[in-house]
Amino acid sequence: MVTDAKMDWRRFEPLTEDEAEESRLERLVTEKSLSRQDLAVILFGLRVRSGFGKEDFGI
């Protein structure tokens, strides 16, 4: 899943161009040992409700 110290996102479309956010996501995926299947389950199962933004989650 990791190539050249960067995540392989072939099946996913990153929503951020912010390097800090991208690094945080990659670190979280690695630390929690999340697989592509784990990510897909989360992303297909949840989304943030309309009206909530990153600031509501401390991001």
N, C-alpha and C. Protein backbone atom coordinates (compact mmCIF):
# COMPACT_ATOMS: atom_id res chain seq x y z
N MET A 1 0.82 -1.19 0.00
CA MET A 1 0.00 0.00 0.00
C MET A 1 0.87 1.26 0.00
N VAL A 2 2.08 1.17 0.49
CA VAL A 2 2.94 2.34 0.52
C VAL A 2 4.03 2.18 -0.54
N THR A 3 4.21 3.21 -1.36
CA THR A 3 5.27 3.21 -2.35
C THR A 3 6.03 4.52 -2.26
N ASP A 4 7.36 4.42 -2.24
CA ASP A 4 8.20 5.62 -2.15
C ASP A 4 7.77 6.53 -1.01
N ALA A 5 7.44 5.94 0.15
CA ALA A 5 7.04 6.68 1.35
C ALA A 5 5.76 7.50 1.16
N LYS A 6 5.01 7.24 0.11
CA LYS A 6 3.72 7.91 -0.12
C LYS A 6 2.65 6.84 -0.25
N MET A 7 1.43 7.16 0.14
CA MET A 7 0.34 6.20 0.04
C MET A 7 -0.04 6.00 -1.43
N ASP A 8 -0.49 4.81 -1.73
CA ASP A 8 -0.96 4.47 -3.08
C ASP A 8 -2.48 4.61 -3.07
N TRP A 9 -2.97 5.68 -3.66
CA TRP A 9 -4.40 6.02 -3.61
C TRP A 9 -5.14 5.66 -4.89
N ARG A 10 -4.71 4.64 -5.61
CA ARG A 10 -5.32 4.30 -6.90
C ARG A 10 -6.83 4.17 -6.86
N ARG A 11 -7.38 3.64 -5.80
CA ARG A 11 -8.83 3.42 -5.73
C ARG A 11 -9.58 4.55 -5.04
N PHE A 12 -8.85 5.56 -4.62
CA PHE A 12 -9.44 6.68 -3.89
C PHE A 12 -9.05 8.00 -4.53
N GLU A 13 -9.88 9.00 -4.34
CA GLU A 13 -9.60 10.34 -4.84
C GLU A 13 -9.36 11.27 -3.65
N PRO A 14 -8.13 11.68 -3.42
CA PRO A 14 -7.85 12.60 -2.31
C PRO A 14 -8.67 13.89 -2.46
N LEU A 15 -9.19 14.38 -1.35
CA LEU A 15 -10.01 15.58 -1.37
C LEU A 15 -9.26 16.81 -0.91
N THR A 16 -8.00 16.65 -0.56
CA THR A 16 -7.21 17.78 -0.09
C THR A 16 -5.95 17.92 -0.91
N GLU A 17 -5.51 19.16 -1.04
CA GLU A 17 -4.22 19.43 -1.66
C GLU A 17 -3.26 19.98 -0.61
N ASP A 18 -3.74 20.05 0.63
CA ASP A 18 -2.94 20.53 1.75
C ASP A 18 -1.99 19.41 2.20
N GLU A 19 -0.70 19.66 2.12
CA GLU A 19 0.29 18.64 2.45
C GLU A 19 0.20 18.19 3.90
N ALA A 20 -0.12 19.10 4.81
CA ALA A 20 -0.23 18.75 6.22
C ALA A 20 -1.39 17.79 6.44
N GLU A 21 -2.53 18.05 5.79
CA GLU A 21 -3.69 17.16 5.92
C GLU A 21 -3.40 15.80 5.29
N GLU A 22 -2.73 15.81 4.15
CA GLU A 22 -2.38 14.56 3.48
C GLU A 22 -1.44 13.74 4.36
N SER A 23 -0.45 14.38 4.97
CA SER A 23 0.48 13.69 5.86
C SER A 23 -0.24 13.13 7.07
N ARG A 24 -1.17 13.90 7.62
CA ARG A 24 -1.92 13.43 8.78
C ARG A 24 -2.75 12.19 8.42
N LEU A 25 -3.38 12.20 7.26
CA LEU A 25 -4.17 11.06 6.81
C LEU A 25 -3.28 9.83 6.63
N GLU A 26 -2.15 10.00 5.96
CA GLU A 26 -1.23 8.89 5.75
C GLU A 26 -0.72 8.33 7.08
N ARG A 27 -0.40 9.21 8.02
CA ARG A 27 0.07 8.79 9.34
C ARG A 27 -1.02 8.00 10.08
N LEU A 28 -2.25 8.48 10.02
CA LEU A 28 -3.37 7.80 10.67
C LEU A 28 -3.59 6.41 10.09
N VAL A 29 -3.60 6.32 8.76
CA VAL A 29 -3.80 5.03 8.09
C VAL A 29 -2.70 4.05 8.50
N THR A 30 -1.47 4.54 8.55
CA THR A 30 -0.34 3.68 8.91
C THR A 30 -0.40 3.28 10.38
N GLU A 31 -0.60 4.25 11.28
CA GLU A 31 -0.63 3.97 12.72
C GLU A 31 -1.75 3.01 13.10
N LYS A 32 -2.89 3.12 12.44
CA LYS A 32 -4.04 2.27 12.76
C LYS A 32 -4.06 1.00 11.91
N SER A 33 -3.07 0.86 11.03
CA SER A 33 -2.97 -0.31 10.14
C SER A 33 -4.26 -0.53 9.35
N LEU A 34 -4.81 0.56 8.81
CA LEU A 34 -6.05 0.46 8.04
C LEU A 34 -5.75 -0.04 6.63
N SER A 35 -6.55 -0.99 6.18
CA SER A 35 -6.40 -1.51 4.82
C SER A 35 -7.27 -0.69 3.87
N ARG A 36 -7.09 -0.93 2.58
CA ARG A 36 -7.98 -0.28 1.59
C ARG A 36 -9.42 -0.67 1.86
N GLN A 37 -9.64 -1.92 2.25
CA GLN A 37 -11.00 -2.37 2.55
C GLN A 37 -11.56 -1.62 3.75
N ASP A 38 -10.74 -1.43 4.80
CA ASP A 38 -11.18 -0.67 5.97
C ASP A 38 -11.59 0.75 5.57
N LEU A 39 -10.75 1.39 4.76
CA LEU A 39 -11.07 2.75 4.30
C LEU A 39 -12.37 2.77 3.49
N ALA A 40 -12.54 1.79 2.61
CA ALA A 40 -13.75 1.73 1.79
C ALA A 40 -14.99 1.56 2.65
N VAL A 41 -14.91 0.71 3.68
CA VAL A 41 -16.06 0.51 4.57
C VAL A 41 -16.43 1.84 5.25
N ILE A 42 -15.44 2.55 5.73
CA ILE A 42 -15.68 3.84 6.39
C ILE A 42 -16.28 4.85 5.40
N LEU A 43 -15.65 4.97 4.23
CA LEU A 43 -16.08 5.98 3.27
C LEU A 43 -17.43 5.68 2.63
N PHE A 44 -17.75 4.41 2.43
CA PHE A 44 -19.06 4.08 1.88
C PHE A 44 -20.15 4.09 2.97
N GLY A 45 -19.72 3.99 4.23
CA GLY A 45 -20.69 3.90 5.32
C GLY A 45 -21.02 5.22 5.99
N LEU A 46 -20.16 6.21 5.87
CA LEU A 46 -20.35 7.48 6.58
C LEU A 46 -20.02 8.67 5.69
N ARG A 47 -20.64 9.78 5.99
CA ARG A 47 -20.22 11.07 5.45
C ARG A 47 -20.59 12.11 6.49
N VAL A 48 -19.98 13.25 6.41
CA VAL A 48 -20.26 14.33 7.35
C VAL A 48 -21.59 14.97 6.95
N ARG A 49 -22.43 15.18 7.94
CA ARG A 49 -23.73 15.80 7.66
C ARG A 49 -23.56 17.23 7.14
N SER A 50 -24.48 17.60 6.28
CA SER A 50 -24.50 18.94 5.72
C SER A 50 -24.51 19.96 6.85
N GLY A 51 -23.73 21.00 6.68
CA GLY A 51 -23.69 22.06 7.68
C GLY A 51 -22.51 21.94 8.63
N PHE A 52 -21.85 20.79 8.68
CA PHE A 52 -20.69 20.62 9.53
C PHE A 52 -19.44 20.78 8.70
N GLY A 53 -18.44 21.43 9.28
CA GLY A 53 -17.16 21.62 8.60
C GLY A 53 -16.02 21.07 9.42
N LYS A 54 -14.84 21.18 8.87
CA LYS A 54 -13.65 20.66 9.55
C LYS A 54 -13.49 21.25 10.95
N GLU A 55 -13.81 22.53 11.08
CA GLU A 55 -13.66 23.20 12.37
C GLU A 55 -14.54 22.56 13.46
N ASP A 56 -15.65 21.95 13.08
CA ASP A 56 -16.51 21.27 14.05
C ASP A 56 -15.87 20.03 14.63
N PHE A 57 -14.84 19.55 13.97
CA PHE A 57 -14.12 18.34 14.40
C PHE A 57 -12.71 18.66 14.87
N GLY A 58 -12.40 19.93 14.97
CA GLY A 58 -11.08 20.33 15.42
C GLY A 58 -9.98 20.13 14.39
N ILE A 59 -10.37 20.15 13.12
CA ILE A 59 -9.40 19.94 12.04
C ILE A 59 -9.07 21.28 11.42
